[in-house]
């Protein structure tokens, strides 16, 4: 009889289910805070990525400006060199014309004396 009673008690104890746990308000609040922190961390990573992209664009822009300034300086130097060369040519042509005019004047003067 004792064995039957003991067996009945064991079976009764095994059949009793543990009460289901319901999440407490504190646990729900903690879960909400953790989700917010996850979103904040994701936003920070995205912001960091955008900042790196922006920094790269600023750096590329600076390099492009540097190259543009160098090209402009070279272009201005070349224009100046060509302007000086053209002025020298014009000066030589003027001198050549004056020299020819003098030579012609001397020839005319020499023919008129003869």
N, C-alpha and C. Protein backbone atom coordinates (compact mmCIF):
# COMPACT_ATOMS: atom_id res chain seq x y z
N UNK A 1 0.79 -1.16 0.00
CA UNK A 1 0.00 0.00 0.00
C UNK A 1 0.86 1.26 0.00
N UNK A 2 1.84 1.18 0.78
CA UNK A 2 2.76 2.30 0.79
C UNK A 2 3.35 2.54 -0.58
N UNK A 3 3.67 1.51 -1.29
CA UNK A 3 4.24 1.61 -2.62
C UNK A 3 3.27 2.27 -3.59
N UNK A 4 2.02 1.93 -3.45
CA UNK A 4 1.02 2.50 -4.33
C UNK A 4 0.86 3.98 -4.02
N UNK A 5 0.82 4.30 -2.75
CA UNK A 5 0.71 5.70 -2.35
C UNK A 5 1.91 6.50 -2.84
N UNK A 6 3.07 5.94 -2.68
CA UNK A 6 4.29 6.62 -3.14
C UNK A 6 4.27 6.79 -4.66
N UNK A 7 3.84 5.76 -5.35
CA UNK A 7 3.77 5.83 -6.80
C UNK A 7 2.74 6.88 -7.23
N UNK A 8 1.65 6.96 -6.55
CA UNK A 8 0.63 7.94 -6.87
C UNK A 8 1.15 9.35 -6.64
N UNK A 9 1.89 9.55 -5.59
CA UNK A 9 2.45 10.88 -5.29
C UNK A 9 3.50 11.27 -6.33
N UNK A 10 4.30 10.33 -6.75
CA UNK A 10 5.33 10.62 -7.75
C UNK A 10 4.65 10.99 -9.07
N UNK A 11 3.63 10.21 -9.43
CA UNK A 11 2.93 10.50 -10.68
C UNK A 11 2.22 11.86 -10.60
N UNK A 12 1.68 12.18 -9.49
CA UNK A 12 1.00 13.46 -9.33
C UNK A 12 2.00 14.61 -9.42
N UNK A 13 3.16 14.41 -8.80
CA UNK A 13 4.19 15.46 -8.83
C UNK A 13 4.71 15.66 -10.25
N UNK A 14 4.83 14.59 -11.00
CA UNK A 14 5.34 14.71 -12.37
C UNK A 14 4.31 15.35 -13.28
N UNK A 15 3.05 15.10 -13.00
CA UNK A 15 2.02 15.62 -13.88
C UNK A 15 1.75 17.10 -13.65
N UNK A 16 2.13 17.60 -12.52
CA UNK A 16 1.93 19.02 -12.25
C UNK A 16 2.90 19.82 -13.11
N UNK A 17 2.37 20.72 -13.89
CA UNK A 17 3.22 21.53 -14.77
C UNK A 17 3.67 22.76 -14.01
N UNK A 18 4.86 23.16 -14.35
CA UNK A 18 5.38 24.37 -13.72
C UNK A 18 4.59 25.55 -14.28
N UNK A 19 4.35 26.55 -13.46
CA UNK A 19 3.59 27.69 -13.96
C UNK A 19 4.37 28.37 -15.09
N UNK A 20 3.62 28.75 -16.10
CA UNK A 20 4.26 29.41 -17.23
C UNK A 20 4.74 30.78 -16.80
N UNK A 21 5.91 31.09 -17.33
CA UNK A 21 6.49 32.40 -16.99
C UNK A 21 5.91 33.45 -17.92
N UNK A 22 5.48 34.52 -17.38
CA UNK A 22 5.05 35.66 -18.18
C UNK A 22 6.09 36.73 -18.00
N UNK A 23 6.49 37.35 -19.12
CA UNK A 23 7.54 38.35 -18.98
C UNK A 23 7.05 39.51 -18.12
N UNK A 24 7.93 39.92 -17.26
CA UNK A 24 7.56 41.01 -16.36
C UNK A 24 7.69 42.33 -17.10
N UNK A 25 7.14 43.36 -16.52
CA UNK A 25 7.22 44.69 -17.13
C UNK A 25 8.67 45.16 -17.22
N UNK A 26 9.48 44.82 -16.23
CA UNK A 26 10.89 45.21 -16.25
C UNK A 26 11.63 44.52 -17.40
N UNK A 27 11.29 43.24 -17.63
CA UNK A 27 11.94 42.52 -18.73
C UNK A 27 11.52 43.11 -20.07
N UNK A 28 10.26 43.45 -20.21
CA UNK A 28 9.79 44.06 -21.45
C UNK A 28 10.47 45.41 -21.67
N UNK A 29 10.60 46.18 -20.62
CA UNK A 29 11.28 47.48 -20.72
C UNK A 29 12.73 47.27 -21.11
N UNK A 30 13.40 46.30 -20.52
CA UNK A 30 14.80 46.00 -20.86
C UNK A 30 14.91 45.59 -22.32
N UNK A 31 13.97 44.77 -22.79
CA UNK A 31 14.00 44.34 -24.18
C UNK A 31 13.82 45.53 -25.11
N UNK A 32 12.89 46.45 -24.76
CA UNK A 32 12.69 47.67 -25.56
C UNK A 32 13.96 48.51 -25.60
N UNK A 33 14.59 48.68 -24.46
CA UNK A 33 15.83 49.48 -24.39
C UNK A 33 16.92 48.82 -25.24
N UNK A 34 17.03 47.50 -25.17
CA UNK A 34 18.04 46.80 -25.98
C UNK A 34 17.77 46.98 -27.47
N UNK A 35 16.49 46.93 -27.89
CA UNK A 35 16.16 47.16 -29.30
C UNK A 35 16.52 48.59 -29.71
N UNK A 36 16.24 49.54 -28.84
CA UNK A 36 16.59 50.94 -29.14
C UNK A 36 18.10 51.11 -29.25
N UNK A 37 18.82 50.43 -28.35
CA UNK A 37 20.29 50.50 -28.42
C UNK A 37 20.81 49.88 -29.71
N UNK A 38 20.20 48.78 -30.13
CA UNK A 38 20.60 48.15 -31.40
C UNK A 38 20.37 49.10 -32.57
N UNK A 39 19.20 49.77 -32.57
CA UNK A 39 18.92 50.73 -33.64
C UNK A 39 19.91 51.89 -33.61
N UNK A 40 20.21 52.37 -32.40
CA UNK A 40 21.16 53.48 -32.26
C UNK A 40 22.54 53.07 -32.77
N UNK A 41 22.95 51.86 -32.42
CA UNK A 41 24.26 51.37 -32.88
C UNK A 41 24.28 51.25 -34.41
N UNK A 42 23.19 50.77 -34.99
CA UNK A 42 23.10 50.66 -36.45
C UNK A 42 23.17 52.05 -37.08
N UNK A 43 22.46 53.02 -36.48
CA UNK A 43 22.51 54.40 -36.99
C UNK A 43 23.91 54.96 -36.90
N UNK A 44 24.61 54.68 -35.80
CA UNK A 44 25.98 55.17 -35.65
C UNK A 44 26.91 54.57 -36.69
N UNK A 45 26.74 53.28 -36.96
CA UNK A 45 27.57 52.64 -37.99
C UNK A 45 27.29 53.26 -39.35
N UNK A 46 26.01 53.51 -39.62
CA UNK A 46 25.64 54.14 -40.89
C UNK A 46 26.21 55.55 -40.97
N UNK A 47 26.12 56.28 -39.87
CA UNK A 47 26.65 57.64 -39.82
C UNK A 47 28.16 57.63 -40.02
N UNK A 48 28.83 56.68 -39.40
CA UNK A 48 30.29 56.56 -39.55
C UNK A 48 30.64 56.29 -41.01
N UNK A 49 29.87 55.43 -41.64
CA UNK A 49 30.10 55.12 -43.05
C UNK A 49 29.91 56.37 -43.91
N UNK A 50 28.86 57.14 -43.62
CA UNK A 50 28.61 58.36 -44.37
C UNK A 50 29.73 59.37 -44.14
N UNK A 51 30.22 59.45 -42.92
CA UNK A 51 31.31 60.38 -42.61
C UNK A 51 32.57 60.00 -43.37
N UNK A 52 32.86 58.71 -43.43
CA UNK A 52 34.04 58.26 -44.17
C UNK A 52 33.88 58.56 -45.67
N UNK A 53 32.69 58.33 -46.20
CA UNK A 53 32.43 58.63 -47.60
C UNK A 53 32.62 60.12 -47.87
N UNK A 54 32.06 60.95 -46.99
CA UNK A 54 32.18 62.40 -47.14
C UNK A 54 33.65 62.83 -47.08
N UNK A 55 34.40 62.27 -46.14
CA UNK A 55 35.83 62.61 -46.02
C UNK A 55 36.58 62.22 -47.29
N UNK A 56 36.25 61.08 -47.85
CA UNK A 56 36.89 60.64 -49.11
C UNK A 56 36.55 61.61 -50.24
N UNK A 57 35.30 62.03 -50.30
CA UNK A 57 34.90 62.98 -51.35
C UNK A 57 35.61 64.32 -51.19
N UNK A 58 35.76 64.78 -49.95
CA UNK A 58 36.47 66.04 -49.70
C UNK A 58 37.92 65.91 -50.13
N UNK A 59 38.53 64.78 -49.81
CA UNK A 59 39.93 64.55 -50.19
C UNK A 59 40.08 64.51 -51.71
N UNK A 60 39.18 63.83 -52.40
CA UNK A 60 39.24 63.77 -53.86
C UNK A 60 39.05 65.16 -54.48
N UNK A 61 38.13 65.93 -53.90
CA UNK A 61 37.89 67.28 -54.40
C UNK A 61 39.15 68.14 -54.26
N UNK A 62 39.82 68.01 -53.12
CA UNK A 62 41.05 68.78 -52.89
C UNK A 62 42.12 68.40 -53.92
N UNK A 63 42.25 67.10 -54.19
CA UNK A 63 43.24 66.66 -55.19
C UNK A 63 42.86 67.19 -56.57
N UNK A 64 41.59 67.14 -56.91
CA UNK A 64 41.15 67.63 -58.22
C UNK A 64 41.41 69.13 -58.35
N UNK A 65 41.16 69.87 -57.27
CA UNK A 65 41.42 71.31 -57.30
C UNK A 65 42.91 71.59 -57.46
N UNK A 66 43.72 70.82 -56.78
CA UNK A 66 45.18 70.99 -56.88
C UNK A 66 45.64 70.76 -58.31
N UNK A 67 45.13 69.70 -58.93
CA UNK A 67 45.51 69.40 -60.32
C UNK A 67 45.00 70.49 -61.25
N UNK A 68 43.77 70.95 -61.02
CA UNK A 68 43.21 72.01 -61.86
C UNK A 68 44.04 73.29 -61.76
N UNK A 69 44.47 73.62 -60.55
CA UNK A 69 45.31 74.82 -60.38
C UNK A 69 46.64 74.67 -61.10
N UNK A 70 47.23 73.47 -61.00
CA UNK A 70 48.51 73.24 -61.67
C UNK A 70 48.35 73.36 -63.18
N UNK A 71 47.29 72.78 -63.72
CA UNK A 71 47.04 72.85 -65.16
C UNK A 71 46.81 74.30 -65.58
N UNK A 72 46.05 75.04 -64.77
CA UNK A 72 45.80 76.44 -65.09
C UNK A 72 47.09 77.24 -65.08
N UNK A 73 47.94 77.02 -64.07
CA UNK A 73 49.23 77.72 -64.01
C UNK A 73 50.08 77.41 -65.24
N UNK A 74 50.12 76.13 -65.62
CA UNK A 74 50.90 75.75 -66.81
C UNK A 74 50.32 76.41 -68.06
N UNK A 75 49.01 76.45 -68.14
CA UNK A 75 48.36 77.06 -69.30
C UNK A 75 48.68 78.55 -69.37
N UNK A 76 48.60 79.24 -68.25
CA UNK A 76 48.91 80.67 -68.22
C UNK A 76 50.37 80.90 -68.59
N UNK A 77 51.26 80.06 -68.08
CA UNK A 77 52.69 80.18 -68.43
C UNK A 77 52.90 80.00 -69.93
N UNK A 78 52.22 79.03 -70.52
CA UNK A 78 52.35 78.78 -71.95
C UNK A 78 51.81 79.97 -72.75
N UNK A 79 50.68 80.52 -72.32
CA UNK A 79 50.12 81.70 -73.01
C UNK A 79 51.11 82.86 -72.93
N UNK A 80 51.72 83.06 -71.78
CA UNK A 80 52.70 84.14 -71.62
C UNK A 80 53.91 83.91 -72.53
N UNK A 81 54.39 82.66 -72.56
CA UNK A 81 55.55 82.34 -73.41
C UNK A 81 55.22 82.62 -74.87
N UNK A 82 54.04 82.21 -75.31
CA UNK A 82 53.66 82.43 -76.70
C UNK A 82 53.48 83.92 -77.00
N UNK A 83 52.96 84.67 -76.06
CA UNK A 83 52.78 86.12 -76.25
C UNK A 83 54.14 86.79 -76.39
N UNK A 84 55.12 86.39 -75.56
CA UNK A 84 56.47 86.96 -75.64
C UNK A 84 57.11 86.60 -76.99
N UNK A 85 56.95 85.34 -77.41
CA UNK A 85 57.52 84.91 -78.69
C UNK A 85 56.89 85.68 -79.85
N UNK A 86 55.58 85.88 -79.78
CA UNK A 86 54.90 86.63 -80.84
C UNK A 86 55.36 88.08 -80.86
N UNK A 87 55.55 88.67 -79.70
CA UNK A 87 56.03 90.07 -79.63
C UNK A 87 57.44 90.17 -80.21
N UNK A 88 58.29 89.18 -79.91
CA UNK A 88 59.65 89.18 -80.46
C UNK A 88 59.61 89.08 -82.00
N UNK A 89 58.73 88.24 -82.53
CA UNK A 89 58.61 88.11 -83.98
C UNK A 89 58.15 89.42 -84.61
N UNK A 90 57.17 90.06 -83.97
CA UNK A 90 56.70 91.34 -84.49
C UNK A 90 57.81 92.38 -84.47
N UNK A 91 58.58 92.37 -83.40
CA UNK A 91 59.70 93.31 -83.28
C UNK A 91 60.73 93.05 -84.38
N UNK A 92 61.03 91.78 -84.64
CA UNK A 92 61.98 91.44 -85.71
C UNK A 92 61.45 91.88 -87.08
N UNK A 93 60.15 91.70 -87.31
CA UNK A 93 59.57 92.13 -88.58
C UNK A 93 59.66 93.64 -88.73
N UNK A 94 59.40 94.36 -87.67
CA UNK A 94 59.50 95.83 -87.73
C UNK A 94 60.93 96.26 -88.05
N UNK A 95 61.89 95.61 -87.35
CA UNK A 95 63.30 95.94 -87.60
C UNK A 95 63.68 95.59 -89.04
N UNK A 96 63.19 94.47 -89.52
CA UNK A 96 63.49 94.05 -90.88
C UNK A 96 62.90 95.05 -91.89
N UNK A 97 61.69 95.50 -91.66
CA UNK A 97 61.07 96.50 -92.53
C UNK A 97 61.87 97.81 -92.52
N UNK A 98 62.26 98.23 -91.31
CA UNK A 98 63.03 99.48 -91.21
C UNK A 98 64.36 99.33 -91.94
N UNK A 99 64.97 98.17 -91.79
CA UNK A 99 66.26 97.93 -92.46
C UNK A 99 66.07 97.96 -93.99
N UNK A 100 64.99 97.34 -94.48
CA UNK A 100 64.72 97.35 -95.92
C UNK A 100 64.42 98.77 -96.41
N UNK A 101 63.67 99.50 -95.61
CA UNK A 101 63.35 100.88 -96.01
C UNK A 101 64.62 101.72 -96.10
N UNK A 102 65.53 101.54 -95.14
CA UNK A 102 66.80 102.28 -95.18
C UNK A 102 67.60 101.87 -96.41
N UNK A 103 67.63 100.54 -96.68
CA UNK A 103 68.40 100.07 -97.83
C UNK A 103 67.81 100.61 -99.12
N UNK A 104 66.52 100.61 -99.24
CA UNK A 104 65.86 101.15 -100.44
C UNK A 104 66.12 102.65 -100.56
N UNK A 105 66.04 103.34 -99.44
CA UNK A 105 66.29 104.79 -99.46
C UNK A 105 67.73 105.07 -99.88
N UNK A 106 68.67 104.26 -99.40
CA UNK A 106 70.06 104.46 -99.79
C UNK A 106 70.26 104.16 -101.27
N UNK A 107 69.60 103.11 -101.77
CA UNK A 107 69.71 102.79 -103.19
C UNK A 107 69.12 103.91 -104.05
N UNK A 108 68.01 104.44 -103.64
CA UNK A 108 67.39 105.52 -104.39
C UNK A 108 68.29 106.77 -104.35
N UNK A 109 68.87 106.99 -103.20
CA UNK A 109 69.74 108.16 -103.08
C UNK A 109 70.99 107.98 -103.97
N UNK A 110 71.46 106.74 -104.06
CA UNK A 110 72.64 106.47 -104.87
C UNK A 110 72.33 106.58 -106.36
N UNK A 111 71.17 106.20 -106.81
CA UNK A 111 70.77 106.31 -108.20
C UNK A 111 70.48 107.74 -108.59
N UNK A 112 69.93 108.48 -107.66
CA UNK A 112 69.60 109.85 -108.03
C UNK A 112 70.87 110.71 -108.14
N UNK A 113 71.95 110.38 -107.49
CA UNK A 113 73.18 111.14 -107.59
C UNK A 113 73.90 110.84 -108.89
N UNK A 114 73.69 109.68 -109.41
CA UNK A 114 74.41 109.30 -110.61
C UNK A 114 73.85 109.92 -111.79
